[in-house]
Amino acid sequence: MNIVLATLNAKYIHTNLALRCLKASAQPEFNPTIAEYTIKDTSFNIVSDIYLKKPKVVGFSCYIWNIEETLKVVRLLKRVSPETIIVLGGPEVSYDSNYWLRRMEEIDFIVMGEGEVSFKQLLHYVEGNVSLQEIPGICYMQDGKFMIHPQGPKIDLREMPSPFRFEEDIPHLSKRITYIETSRGCPFSCQFCLSSIEVGVRYFNREKVKEDIRYLMNHNAKIIKFVDRTFNISRSYAMEMFQFLIDEHRPGVVFQFEITADIMRPEVIQFLNDNAPAGLFRFEIGVQSTNELTNELVKRKQNFAKLTRTVTMVKEGGKIAQHLDLIAGLPEEDYASFKQTFNDVFAMGPEELQLGFLKLLRGTGLRVQAEQYGYVYVDQAPYEIFANNVLTFDDMLRIKQAEDVLEKYWNAHRLDRTVAYLVTETFDTPFDFFQDFGSYWEEKGWSRIGHQLEDLFKRLEEFLMQDGRANMDVVRSLMKIDYLAHHQFQPRKPWWEKEMQKEAQSAIYRKIIENPQLAGSTFAGLNLHEREVYKQTLLVPFSLDLHQLEQEQVVSKDGYLLTFFKSGQAPQFSFIAKEQVS
């Protein structure tokens, strides 16, 4: 019997762990084919590819980001292959199953929750080995009536087969993100999250997990992301895994975790700071809100002081990049309160700060309470809100404008020095910078057109010029060094206007060639020939003391920035004081 397990990932680099768990559990009696697509693939092409596999059963893994595209595929597939049995599973259809079955008659079955046992039993039913009534955790329509079977007992995860030993995956491991779970469930009850529905935390076999990680590293996996909802809920377990990963990691491998920061003890962080190689780990931390009433209403327990301690210790250690999450639109958090939340979290200096917007997911407590808080939201996935009783649609649009600039200018790390200066020395708060710039960006219509790297610098300069608050001599110097830091070769057309006459530039170059120590001992140690100086360096006016800037201090000083470029290396910066070459 031909069986296809399919999904539409958000991006090509993503992989679907659920399909692999289903395939591993279906063996040895069945051997499904995994077929992964993206939401950008056309429905016709997806249907054609599945059709050519001649499946008896097709199972789709459904999420908020792919449900509407998946339904288009289901409708077309049923039209060209009406005998194919179509099964849906995943978090988007596990709740309100009645709605989905009545919405689309092309769906034959829905598997609710954990699907490994139910899906395999369903395959046995298709082959005539068991009766339909014996299958737990499924829904279907029968003579116009909605039928639902109670879910069976929770799976013993310690006995689960590995979902990572498929030869067809090996060629792709180095190019895509590998997702791994060492536990299921969450100890918390956040009312905006589906994980709050499953009570308790269950663990996979530790030694099997370690063997899977060894296997993945042996086959060149580069990014391994743990999908455990709270990786560090058990300190002893987290410490054991951290130690294992430190001891056995391979160069170039990165491990990502979702952690709860306020329960992480200082000695654990100190252990990581002392022992983890730089870049090996990456933490994702859901802060969501610093408003105490809001957190109480969504049943989210959070000690912000301890969370801050954790984030600060990790940042000071310099070994682990951190990605912090916020959610705009939570109950009783108005615009002013969200601005405070943003500033509270930005002050910790995370490498990335994701500004998300509340989605009222099917099955969550907040969706049930939508009327109580005056939520107006899109009735189609991803169910994002428009407004609530304290946050208007105007407010939401303004926050989205700030989010757009945040992504381009902070999370993308294109102007780290410049933005750090602006949010501390020019604008009242970090949020004010992102909001004011975001609103200007929208007014200019830039959100509707593309941009190159140079455009980002020009647009920031234009905004700051019309705003009038910034010291533009300082800002332009910061922007220059931020811009040049992204290049391995001398840029052909920098974003700034030509500032030096050729004769003046040549005169300074001659002095540098005669006395390289003018640019410092490091530059002099390069022992560049005259031709190399002209070909591989760029000289521009600069208004800051470079040595102080390297110590994260912005101190004005007239001179020139000399940038040396070499392929495969980060550019090297030197400063020449104006009086040295006058």
Protein backbone atom coordinates (compact mmCIF):
# COMPACT_ATOMS: atom_id res chain seq x y z
CA MET A 1 0.00 0.00 0.00
CA ASN A 2 1.43 3.38 -1.02
CA ILE A 3 1.27 5.95 1.77
CA VAL A 4 2.40 9.57 1.55
CA LEU A 5 3.04 11.80 4.56
CA ALA A 6 3.02 15.40 3.37
CA THR A 7 3.24 18.95 4.65
CA LEU A 8 3.80 22.48 3.40
CA ASN A 9 6.67 24.02 5.35
CA ALA A 10 7.00 27.78 5.73
CA LYS A 11 10.48 27.68 4.18
CA TYR A 12 12.63 25.15 2.38
CA ILE A 13 15.18 25.05 5.22
CA HIS A 14 12.51 23.78 7.63
CA THR A 15 11.83 20.09 8.16
CA ASN A 16 8.79 18.43 9.68
CA LEU A 17 9.49 16.27 12.72
CA ALA A 18 5.90 15.03 13.03
CA LEU A 19 6.01 13.28 9.64
CA ARG A 20 9.19 11.49 10.59
CA CYS A 21 7.72 10.36 13.90
CA LEU A 22 4.69 8.97 12.06
CA LYS A 23 6.86 7.17 9.52
CA ALA A 24 9.11 5.63 12.18
CA SER A 25 6.07 4.45 14.18
CA ALA A 26 4.35 3.01 11.11
CA GLN A 27 7.30 0.74 10.35
CA PRO A 28 7.94 -2.12 9.83
CA GLU A 29 4.40 -2.98 8.70
CA PHE A 30 4.14 0.17 6.59
CA ASN A 31 6.73 2.38 4.92
CA PRO A 32 5.25 5.81 4.14
CA THR A 33 6.97 8.22 1.77
CA ILE A 34 7.66 11.68 3.19
CA ALA A 35 6.86 14.53 0.80
CA GLU A 36 7.69 18.04 1.99
CA TYR A 37 6.78 21.19 0.08
CA THR A 38 6.60 24.89 0.94
CA ILE A 39 3.68 27.27 1.12
CA LYS A 40 5.13 29.04 -1.93
CA ASP A 41 4.82 25.94 -4.14
CA THR A 42 1.77 25.98 -6.39
CA SER A 43 -1.12 23.69 -5.48
CA PHE A 44 -1.07 22.16 -8.96
CA ASN A 45 2.58 21.17 -8.68
CA ILE A 46 2.08 19.67 -5.22
CA VAL A 47 -0.96 17.69 -6.31
CA SER A 48 0.86 16.48 -9.43
CA ASP A 49 3.80 15.27 -7.39
CA ILE A 50 1.61 13.44 -4.86
CA TYR A 51 -0.61 11.97 -7.59
CA LEU A 52 2.38 10.43 -9.38
CA LYS A 53 3.22 8.51 -6.21
CA LYS A 54 -0.16 6.72 -6.54
CA PRO A 55 -0.95 6.77 -2.82
CA LYS A 56 -3.81 4.89 -1.18
CA VAL A 57 -3.51 7.16 1.86
CA VAL A 58 -2.17 10.72 2.16
CA GLY A 59 -1.64 12.31 5.56
CA PHE A 60 -1.15 16.09 5.84
CA SER A 61 0.47 17.79 8.84
CA CYS A 62 -1.45 21.03 9.44
CA TYR A 63 -0.46 24.28 11.17
CA ILE A 64 -1.65 27.88 11.15
CA TRP A 65 0.91 28.83 8.52
CA ASN A 66 -0.11 26.15 6.01
CA ILE A 67 -3.74 25.19 6.64
CA GLU A 68 -5.35 27.28 3.90
CA GLU A 69 -2.79 26.20 1.28
CA THR A 70 -3.14 22.60 2.46
CA LEU A 71 -6.92 22.69 2.01
CA LYS A 72 -6.46 23.85 -1.58
CA VAL A 73 -4.21 20.87 -2.20
CA VAL A 74 -6.69 18.50 -0.53
CA ARG A 75 -9.56 19.75 -2.68
CA LEU A 76 -7.61 19.33 -5.92
CA LEU A 77 -6.13 15.98 -4.94
CA LYS A 78 -9.54 14.54 -4.15
CA ARG A 79 -10.80 15.75 -7.50
CA VAL A 80 -8.10 13.97 -9.51
CA SER A 81 -7.84 10.95 -7.21
CA PRO A 82 -11.23 10.46 -5.47
CA GLU A 83 -10.27 7.02 -4.13
CA THR A 84 -7.31 8.37 -2.17
CA ILE A 85 -7.99 8.48 1.57
CA ILE A 86 -7.04 11.88 2.97
CA VAL A 87 -6.07 12.22 6.63
CA LEU A 88 -5.31 15.49 8.40
CA GLY A 89 -3.41 15.89 11.66
CA GLY A 90 -1.48 18.51 13.57
CA PRO A 91 -2.30 21.33 16.01
CA GLU A 92 -4.46 23.33 13.60
CA VAL A 93 -7.02 20.54 13.09
CA SER A 94 -6.81 18.76 16.44
CA TYR A 95 -9.25 21.28 17.90
CA ASP A 96 -12.59 22.18 16.31
CA SER A 97 -12.36 18.99 14.24
CA ASN A 98 -16.09 19.17 13.65
CA TYR A 99 -15.59 22.52 11.91
CA TRP A 100 -12.93 21.22 9.55
CA LEU A 101 -14.81 18.08 8.57
CA ARG A 102 -17.98 20.02 7.84
CA ARG A 103 -16.05 22.71 5.97
CA MET A 104 -14.42 20.22 3.59
CA GLU A 105 -16.08 16.97 2.65
CA GLU A 106 -12.86 15.91 0.93
CA ILE A 107 -11.29 15.18 4.34
CA ASP A 108 -11.83 11.53 5.26
CA PHE A 109 -10.28 11.48 8.75
CA ILE A 110 -8.71 13.80 11.29
CA VAL A 111 -6.19 12.46 13.80
CA MET A 112 -6.24 14.43 17.04
CA GLY A 113 -3.18 15.11 19.20
CA GLU A 114 -0.38 12.55 19.24
CA GLY A 115 -0.78 10.63 16.03
CA GLU A 116 1.77 7.84 16.08
CA VAL A 117 -0.57 5.13 17.39
CA SER A 118 -3.79 6.41 15.81
CA PHE A 119 -2.34 6.84 12.32
CA LYS A 120 -0.79 3.37 12.31
CA GLN A 121 -4.08 1.86 13.47
CA LEU A 122 -5.86 3.77 10.71
CA LEU A 123 -3.52 2.20 8.15
CA HIS A 124 -4.36 -1.23 9.56
CA TYR A 125 -8.05 -0.36 9.16
CA VAL A 126 -7.51 0.59 5.49
CA GLU A 127 -5.90 -2.80 4.94
CA GLY A 128 -8.85 -4.53 6.64
CA ASN A 129 -6.92 -5.70 9.70
CA VAL A 130 -8.96 -3.86 12.38
CA SER A 131 -12.38 -2.30 12.67
CA LEU A 132 -12.86 1.44 12.55
CA GLN A 133 -14.21 1.46 16.10
CA GLU A 134 -10.91 0.18 17.47
CA ILE A 135 -8.96 3.28 16.40
CA PRO A 136 -8.43 5.89 19.15
CA GLY A 137 -8.20 9.66 18.66
CA ILE A 138 -9.82 10.07 15.24
CA CYS A 139 -12.76 12.05 13.85
CA TYR A 140 -14.78 11.57 10.68
CA MET A 141 -18.23 12.10 9.19
CA GLN A 142 -20.67 9.20 8.90
CA ASP A 143 -24.04 9.70 7.20
CA GLY A 144 -23.81 13.42 7.89
CA LYS A 145 -23.04 12.89 11.57
CA PHE A 146 -19.81 13.95 13.27
CA MET A 147 -18.07 10.96 14.83
CA ILE A 148 -15.27 11.26 17.37
CA HIS A 149 -13.27 8.53 19.08
CA PRO A 150 -11.72 9.23 22.50
CA GLN A 151 -7.97 9.54 22.51
CA GLY A 152 -6.01 6.59 23.84
CA PRO A 153 -3.48 6.64 26.68
CA LYS A 154 -0.42 8.83 26.32
CA ILE A 155 2.41 7.22 24.42
CA ASP A 156 5.39 5.93 26.39
CA LEU A 157 7.97 8.16 24.75
CA ARG A 158 10.82 6.05 26.07
CA GLU A 159 9.80 3.28 23.66
CA MET A 160 9.44 5.49 20.60
CA PRO A 161 11.58 4.59 17.56
CA SER A 162 14.02 7.16 16.21
CA PRO A 163 12.63 9.51 13.53
CA PHE A 164 16.11 10.37 12.24
CA ARG A 165 17.43 7.19 10.63
CA PHE A 166 16.03 7.58 7.12
CA GLU A 167 18.66 7.45 4.39
CA GLU A 168 16.74 9.86 2.17
CA ASP A 169 17.25 12.62 4.78
CA ILE A 170 21.04 12.34 4.91
CA PRO A 171 21.87 14.50 1.85
CA HIS A 172 19.77 17.37 3.26
CA LEU A 173 20.96 17.48 6.87
CA SER A 174 23.67 20.07 6.28
CA LYS A 175 21.31 22.40 4.39
CA ARG A 176 18.20 22.38 6.58
CA ILE A 177 17.19 22.80 10.21
CA THR A 178 16.82 19.51 12.07
CA TYR A 179 14.15 19.55 14.78
CA ILE A 180 14.44 17.23 17.75
CA GLU A 181 12.32 16.70 20.85
CA THR A 182 13.47 15.25 24.13
CA SER A 183 10.16 15.84 25.90
CA ARG A 184 6.49 16.58 25.25
CA GLY A 185 4.18 18.77 27.26
CA CYS A 186 4.61 21.97 29.22
CA PRO A 187 4.34 22.64 32.96
CA PHE A 188 2.81 26.08 32.42
CA SER A 189 -0.72 27.21 31.54
CA CYS A 190 -0.29 30.27 29.30
CA GLN A 191 -3.72 30.89 27.82
CA PHE A 192 -2.46 31.99 24.40
CA CYS A 193 -0.47 28.79 23.83
CA LEU A 194 -1.59 25.32 22.73
CA SER A 195 1.08 23.72 24.89
CA SER A 196 -0.93 24.70 27.96
CA ILE A 197 -3.58 22.12 27.03
CA GLU A 198 -1.39 19.09 27.67
CA VAL A 199 -0.79 18.68 31.38
CA GLY A 200 2.59 17.40 32.56
CA VAL A 201 5.92 16.76 30.89
CA ARG A 202 7.02 13.37 29.52
CA TYR A 203 10.56 12.53 28.46
CA PHE A 204 12.11 10.43 25.73
CA ASN A 205 14.85 7.95 26.55
CA ARG A 206 17.96 10.01 27.25
CA GLU A 207 20.45 7.58 25.80
CA LYS A 208 18.43 7.18 22.60
CA VAL A 209 18.31 10.97 22.26
CA LYS A 210 22.08 11.16 22.62
CA GLU A 211 22.55 8.46 20.00
CA ASP A 212 20.26 10.39 17.64
CA ILE A 213 22.31 13.56 18.14
CA ARG A 214 25.54 11.65 17.48
CA TYR A 215 24.00 10.22 14.32
CA LEU A 216 22.89 13.66 13.12
CA MET A 217 26.29 15.22 13.77
CA ASN A 218 28.03 12.28 12.05
CA HIS A 219 25.91 13.01 8.99
CA ASN A 220 26.72 16.75 8.91
CA ALA A 221 23.64 18.30 10.52
CA LYS A 222 24.51 21.94 11.21
CA ILE A 223 21.50 23.41 13.00
CA ILE A 224 19.71 21.21 15.54
CA LYS A 225 16.73 22.86 17.18
CA PHE A 226 15.10 21.38 20.28
CA VAL A 227 11.32 21.82 20.18
CA ASP A 228 10.81 21.08 23.88
CA ARG A 229 8.47 23.75 25.21
CA THR A 230 10.64 24.31 28.29
CA PHE A 231 13.98 22.60 27.83
CA ASN A 232 15.26 23.52 31.29
CA ILE A 233 12.22 22.58 33.38
CA SER A 234 14.34 19.77 34.87
CA ARG A 235 17.67 21.25 35.90
CA SER A 236 19.39 17.86 36.21
CA TYR A 237 18.20 16.80 32.75
CA ALA A 238 19.23 20.12 31.16
CA MET A 239 22.65 19.96 32.79
CA GLU A 240 23.19 16.40 31.61
CA MET A 241 22.30 17.37 28.03
CA PHE A 242 24.36 20.56 28.10
CA GLN A 243 27.38 18.58 29.30
CA PHE A 244 26.84 15.94 26.61
CA LEU A 245 26.59 18.53 23.86
CA ILE A 246 29.69 20.37 25.07
CA ASP A 247 31.68 17.13 25.29
CA GLU A 248 30.69 15.70 21.93
CA HIS A 249 29.86 18.66 19.69
CA ARG A 250 31.38 19.00 16.24
CA PRO A 251 32.73 22.26 14.78
CA GLY A 252 30.07 24.25 12.98
CA VAL A 253 27.08 22.66 14.76
CA VAL A 254 24.62 24.96 16.54
CA PHE A 255 22.01 23.82 19.08
CA GLN A 256 18.93 25.95 19.74
CA PHE A 257 16.66 25.70 22.79
CA GLU A 258 13.49 27.28 24.13
CA ILE A 259 14.20 28.00 27.76
CA THR A 260 12.29 29.56 30.63
CA ALA A 261 14.77 32.14 31.84
CA ASP A 262 13.43 32.94 35.30
CA ILE A 263 13.86 29.35 36.53
CA MET A 264 17.43 29.02 35.29
CA ARG A 265 19.80 29.04 38.21
CA PRO A 266 22.95 31.22 38.15
CA GLU A 267 25.24 28.21 38.62
CA VAL A 268 23.87 26.66 35.41
CA ILE A 269 24.57 29.83 33.46
CA GLN A 270 28.03 30.10 35.00
CA PHE A 271 28.72 26.52 33.96
CA LEU A 272 27.77 27.38 30.37
CA ASN A 273 29.78 30.60 30.42
CA ASP A 274 32.82 28.68 31.64
CA ASN A 275 32.54 25.57 29.48
CA ALA A 276 30.43 26.07 26.34
CA PRO A 277 32.30 26.96 23.15
CA ALA A 278 31.18 30.30 21.75
CA GLY A 279 28.35 29.91 19.24
CA LEU A 280 27.48 26.33 20.18
CA PHE A 281 24.19 27.23 21.91
CA ARG A 282 21.38 29.65 21.13
CA PHE A 283 18.53 30.42 23.53
CA GLU A 284 14.98 31.45 22.65
CA ILE A 285 13.19 33.07 25.58
CA GLY A 286 9.52 33.99 25.61
CA VAL A 287 9.05 37.14 27.69
CA GLN A 288 5.79 38.21 25.99
CA SER A 289 4.95 40.96 28.51
CA THR A 290 6.32 42.64 31.62
CA ASN A 291 2.85 43.86 32.68
CA GLU A 292 2.03 41.95 35.87
CA LEU A 293 -1.76 42.16 35.42
CA THR A 294 -1.47 40.90 31.84
CA ASN A 295 0.65 37.95 32.90
CA GLU A 296 -1.80 37.14 35.67
CA LEU A 297 -4.77 37.21 33.28
CA VAL A 298 -3.11 34.79 30.86
CA LYS A 299 -1.97 32.55 33.75
CA ARG A 300 1.67 33.18 32.98
CA LYS A 301 3.96 32.99 35.99
CA GLN A 302 7.07 35.05 35.42
CA ASN A 303 9.66 36.60 37.71
CA PHE A 304 11.03 39.40 35.57
CA ALA A 305 13.89 40.18 37.96
CA LYS A 306 15.18 36.62 37.71
CA LEU A 307 14.58 36.57 33.96
CA THR A 308 16.67 39.74 33.66
CA ARG A 309 19.41 38.17 35.76
CA THR A 310 19.56 35.17 33.46
CA VAL A 311 19.58 37.16 30.22
CA THR A 312 22.20 39.53 31.59
CA MET A 313 24.48 36.74 32.82
CA VAL A 314 24.23 34.93 29.50
CA LYS A 315 24.97 38.14 27.58
CA GLU A 316 27.95 38.98 29.77
CA GLY A 317 29.30 35.48 29.18
CA GLY A 318 29.49 36.25 25.47
CA LYS A 319 29.05 32.60 24.48
CA ILE A 320 25.33 32.23 23.74
CA ALA A 321 23.15 34.31 21.39
CA GLN A 322 19.67 35.08 22.74
CA HIS A 323 16.37 35.56 20.91
CA LEU A 324 13.65 37.14 23.07
CA ASP A 325 9.95 37.16 22.15
CA LEU A 326 7.21 39.71 22.84
CA ILE A 327 3.49 39.50 22.04
CA ALA A 328 1.48 42.63 21.32
CA GLY A 329 -2.23 42.42 22.05
CA LEU A 330 -2.37 40.44 25.28
CA PRO A 331 -5.24 41.26 27.68
CA GLU A 332 -5.18 44.69 29.32
CA GLU A 333 -1.85 45.69 27.77
CA ASP A 334 -2.55 48.97 26.02
CA TYR A 335 -0.15 50.89 23.77
CA ALA A 336 1.66 52.64 26.64
CA SER A 337 2.05 49.38 28.55
CA PHE A 338 3.41 47.57 25.49
CA LYS A 339 5.88 50.39 24.93
CA GLN A 340 7.09 49.84 28.49
CA THR A 341 7.34 46.09 27.92
CA PHE A 342 9.39 46.69 24.78
CA ASN A 343 11.76 49.08 26.54
CA ASP A 344 12.12 46.78 29.55
CA VAL A 345 13.22 43.91 27.32
CA PHE A 346 15.28 45.90 24.82
CA ALA A 347 17.32 47.27 27.72
CA MET A 348 18.74 43.77 28.19
CA GLY A 349 20.32 43.99 24.73
CA PRO A 350 19.21 40.69 23.20
CA GLU A 351 20.83 39.76 19.90
CA GLU A 352 17.32 39.42 18.50
CA LEU A 353 14.00 40.76 19.77
CA GLN A 354 10.97 39.35 18.00
CA LEU A 355 7.88 41.52 18.20
CA GLY A 356 4.96 39.21 17.52
CA PHE A 357 1.21 39.80 17.49
CA LEU A 358 -1.36 37.79 19.39
CA LYS A 359 -3.06 35.00 17.48
CA LEU A 360 -6.20 33.46 18.94
CA LEU A 361 -5.39 29.82 18.21
CA ARG A 362 -8.10 27.20 18.17
CA GLY A 363 -8.17 25.36 21.48
CA THR A 364 -6.58 28.11 23.59
CA GLY A 365 -8.15 29.78 26.59
CA LEU A 366 -7.87 33.27 25.13
CA ARG A 367 -9.90 32.27 22.09
CA VAL A 368 -12.66 31.12 24.43
CA GLN A 369 -12.37 34.47 26.29
CA ALA A 370 -12.22 36.57 23.13
CA GLU A 371 -15.51 38.36 23.80
CA GLN A 372 -14.55 39.15 27.39
CA TYR A 373 -11.54 41.16 26.24
CA GLY A 374 -13.21 42.65 23.19
CA TYR A 375 -11.00 40.88 20.68
CA VAL A 376 -11.59 41.51 17.01
CA TYR A 377 -9.58 39.03 14.99
CA VAL A 378 -9.22 37.40 11.58
CA ASP A 379 -11.48 34.33 11.44
CA GLN A 380 -9.01 32.51 9.20
CA ALA A 381 -5.54 31.18 10.09
CA PRO A 382 -3.35 32.55 11.56
CA TYR A 383 -6.18 34.25 13.56
CA GLU A 384 -4.23 37.43 14.27
CA ILE A 385 -6.06 40.12 16.22
CA PHE A 386 -7.05 43.54 14.89
CA ALA A 387 -7.84 45.12 18.23
CA ASN A 388 -9.18 44.55 21.74
CA ASN A 389 -10.79 46.61 24.49
CA VAL A 390 -7.58 48.56 25.30
CA LEU A 391 -5.68 48.44 21.98
CA THR A 392 -7.14 50.01 18.85
CA PHE A 393 -6.45 48.96 15.29
CA ASP A 394 -4.54 52.24 14.90
CA ASP A 395 -2.34 51.17 17.80
CA MET A 396 -1.73 47.78 16.22
CA LEU A 397 -0.76 49.34 12.90
CA ARG A 398 1.71 51.65 14.62
CA ILE A 399 3.29 48.74 16.49
CA LYS A 400 3.57 46.84 13.19
CA GLN A 401 5.45 49.81 11.74
CA ALA A 402 7.90 49.66 14.63
CA GLU A 403 8.25 45.90 14.16
CA ASP A 404 9.15 46.33 10.49
CA VAL A 405 12.07 48.63 11.29
CA LEU A 406 13.11 46.49 14.25
CA GLU A 407 13.56 43.51 11.94
CA LYS A 408 15.51 45.44 9.32
CA TYR A 409 17.76 47.48 11.57
CA TRP A 410 18.24 45.53 14.81
CA ASN A 411 17.54 41.85 14.28
CA ALA A 412 19.39 41.83 10.95
CA HIS A 413 22.45 43.40 12.66
CA ARG A 414 23.15 45.81 9.84
CA LEU A 415 23.69 48.90 12.00
CA ASP A 416 24.41 47.70 15.51
CA ARG A 417 26.67 50.61 16.54
CA THR A 418 24.40 53.21 15.00
CA VAL A 419 21.16 51.91 16.50
CA ALA A 420 22.75 51.42 19.93
CA TYR A 421 23.79 55.09 19.89
CA LEU A 422 20.43 56.37 18.65
CA VAL A 423 18.33 54.50 21.21
CA THR A 424 20.49 55.67 24.11
CA GLU A 425 21.70 59.15 23.14
CA THR A 426 19.17 60.57 20.69
CA PHE A 427 15.66 59.22 21.32
CA ASP A 428 13.90 59.16 24.67
CA THR A 429 13.48 55.39 24.59
CA PRO A 430 14.35 52.55 22.19
CA PHE A 431 10.69 52.12 21.29
CA ASP A 432 10.44 55.80 20.33
CA PHE A 433 13.21 55.34 17.76
CA PHE A 434 11.66 52.25 16.19
CA GLN A 435 8.17 53.74 16.29
CA ASP A 436 9.09 57.14 14.87
CA PHE A 437 11.29 55.65 12.17
CA GLY A 438 8.69 52.96 11.41
CA SER A 439 5.95 55.55 10.98
CA TYR A 440 8.18 57.63 8.69
CA TRP A 441 9.05 54.48 6.72
CA GLU A 442 5.34 53.83 6.14
CA GLU A 443 4.62 57.47 5.22
CA LYS A 444 7.31 57.34 2.56
CA GLY A 445 5.84 54.14 1.10
CA TRP A 446 9.08 52.21 1.59
CA SER A 447 7.22 49.19 3.00
CA ARG A 448 5.82 48.58 -0.49
CA ILE A 449 9.12 48.57 -2.36
CA GLY A 450 12.30 46.54 -2.16
CA HIS A 451 15.62 47.68 -0.76
CA GLN A 452 19.33 47.00 -1.09
CA LEU A 453 21.80 47.36 1.77
CA GLU A 454 22.69 50.88 0.62
CA ASP A 455 19.01 51.87 0.69
CA LEU A 456 18.74 51.06 4.39
CA PHE A 457 21.54 53.50 5.18
CA LYS A 458 20.20 56.24 2.92
CA ARG A 459 16.71 55.93 4.36
CA LEU A 460 17.93 56.08 7.93
CA GLU A 461 19.97 59.17 7.11
CA GLU A 462 16.95 60.82 5.47
CA PHE A 463 14.76 60.07 8.48
CA LEU A 464 17.30 61.44 10.96
CA MET A 465 17.85 64.57 8.88
CA GLN A 466 14.16 65.45 8.87
CA ASP A 467 13.76 64.44 12.52
CA GLY A 468 16.49 66.86 13.58
CA ARG A 469 17.45 65.34 16.94
CA ALA A 470 20.59 63.41 16.04
CA ASN A 471 24.19 64.63 15.92
CA MET A 472 24.68 63.79 12.27
CA ASP A 473 28.50 63.98 12.35
CA VAL A 474 28.51 61.22 14.96
CA VAL A 475 25.73 59.22 13.31
CA ARG A 476 27.28 59.32 9.83
CA SER A 477 30.58 58.05 11.22
CA LEU A 478 28.82 55.19 13.00
CA MET A 479 26.87 54.40 9.86
CA LYS A 480 30.07 54.32 7.79
CA ILE A 481 31.79 51.79 10.01
CA ASP A 482 28.59 49.70 10.27
CA TYR A 483 28.32 49.72 6.48
CA LEU A 484 31.94 48.84 5.81
CA ALA A 485 31.86 46.04 8.39
CA HIS A 486 29.55 44.12 6.00
CA HIS A 487 32.07 44.09 3.14
CA GLN A 488 35.00 41.88 2.24
CA PHE A 489 35.84 44.04 -0.76
CA GLN A 490 35.98 47.78 -1.21
CA PRO A 491 32.40 48.87 -2.04
CA ARG A 492 32.08 50.33 -5.51
CA LYS A 493 29.41 52.86 -4.62
CA PRO A 494 29.03 53.60 -0.89
CA TRP A 495 25.76 55.05 0.35
CA TRP A 496 27.31 58.41 1.28
CA GLU A 497 28.11 61.25 -1.09
CA LYS A 498 31.75 61.80 -2.08
CA GLU A 499 33.38 63.82 0.70
CA MET A 500 37.03 64.15 -0.33
CA GLN A 501 38.69 65.60 -3.38
CA LYS A 502 40.99 63.17 -5.15
CA GLU A 503 44.04 65.39 -4.59
CA ALA A 504 43.45 65.62 -0.83
CA GLN A 505 42.90 61.89 -0.58
CA SER A 506 46.05 61.15 -2.57
CA ALA A 507 48.10 63.41 -0.32
CA ILE A 508 47.03 61.48 2.77
CA TYR A 509 47.66 58.16 1.05
CA ARG A 510 51.22 59.26 0.22
CA LYS A 511 51.87 60.02 3.89
CA ILE A 512 50.44 56.64 4.93
CA ILE A 513 52.64 54.84 2.40
CA GLU A 514 55.71 56.76 3.59
CA ASN A 515 54.86 56.14 7.26
CA PRO A 516 52.39 53.24 7.82
CA GLN A 517 52.62 53.79 11.58
CA LEU A 518 50.28 56.76 11.08
CA ALA A 519 47.51 54.16 10.83
CA GLY A 520 48.76 52.21 13.83
CA SER A 521 51.08 49.28 14.41
CA THR A 522 48.52 46.68 13.30
CA PHE A 523 48.19 48.31 9.90
CA ALA A 524 51.93 48.83 9.64
CA GLY A 525 52.39 45.11 10.34
CA LEU A 526 50.52 44.27 7.15
CA ASN A 527 53.56 45.45 5.17
CA LEU A 528 51.45 46.49 2.22
CA HIS A 529 53.02 47.63 -1.04
CA GLU A 530 51.87 50.94 -2.51
CA ARG A 531 49.65 49.20 -5.06
CA GLU A 532 47.99 47.12 -2.32
CA VAL A 533 47.29 50.22 -0.23
CA TYR A 534 45.42 51.86 -3.08
CA LYS A 535 43.65 48.67 -4.17
CA GLN A 536 42.69 47.15 -0.83
CA THR A 537 41.95 50.13 1.42
CA LEU A 538 39.35 52.85 1.61
CA LEU A 539 39.97 56.23 3.24
CA VAL A 540 36.99 58.30 4.44
CA PRO A 541 36.50 61.24 6.82
CA PHE A 542 35.57 60.06 10.31
CA SER A 543 34.49 61.99 13.39
CA LEU A 544 35.01 59.48 16.21
CA ASP A 545 37.87 58.12 18.27
CA LEU A 546 38.13 54.54 16.98
CA HIS A 547 39.90 53.25 20.09
CA GLN A 548 37.12 54.59 22.31
CA LEU A 549 34.50 53.20 19.93
CA GLU A 550 36.02 49.75 20.27
CA GLN A 551 35.40 50.15 24.02
CA GLU A 552 31.77 51.03 23.19
CA GLN A 553 32.34 54.70 23.99
CA VAL A 554 31.32 57.38 21.50
CA VAL A 555 33.89 60.19 21.66
CA SER A 556 34.24 62.83 18.95
CA LYS A 557 37.62 63.21 17.22
CA ASP A 558 38.32 64.55 13.74
CA GLY A 559 40.25 62.29 11.43
CA TYR A 560 39.99 59.54 8.88
CA LEU A 561 38.89 55.92 8.90
CA LEU A 562 41.20 53.61 6.94
CA THR A 563 39.59 50.27 6.09
CA PHE A 564 41.66 47.33 4.85
CA PHE A 565 39.76 44.65 2.89
CA LYS A 566 40.86 41.07 2.34
CA SER A 567 38.74 38.32 0.83
CA GLY A 568 37.46 35.83 3.37
CA GLN A 569 38.18 38.11 6.32
CA ALA A 570 36.36 40.82 8.22
CA PRO A 571 37.60 44.31 7.30
CA GLN A 572 40.28 45.84 9.49
CA PHE A 573 39.78 49.41 10.71
CA SER A 574 42.42 52.00 11.55
CA PHE A 575 42.08 55.64 12.62
CA ILE A 576 44.30 58.53 11.54
CA ALA A 577 43.90 61.76 13.49
CA LYS A 578 43.50 64.83 11.32
CA GLU A 579 46.42 66.65 12.89
CA GLN A 580 48.72 63.75 11.93
CA VAL A 581 48.28 64.37 8.23
CA SER A 582 47.51 68.10 8.12
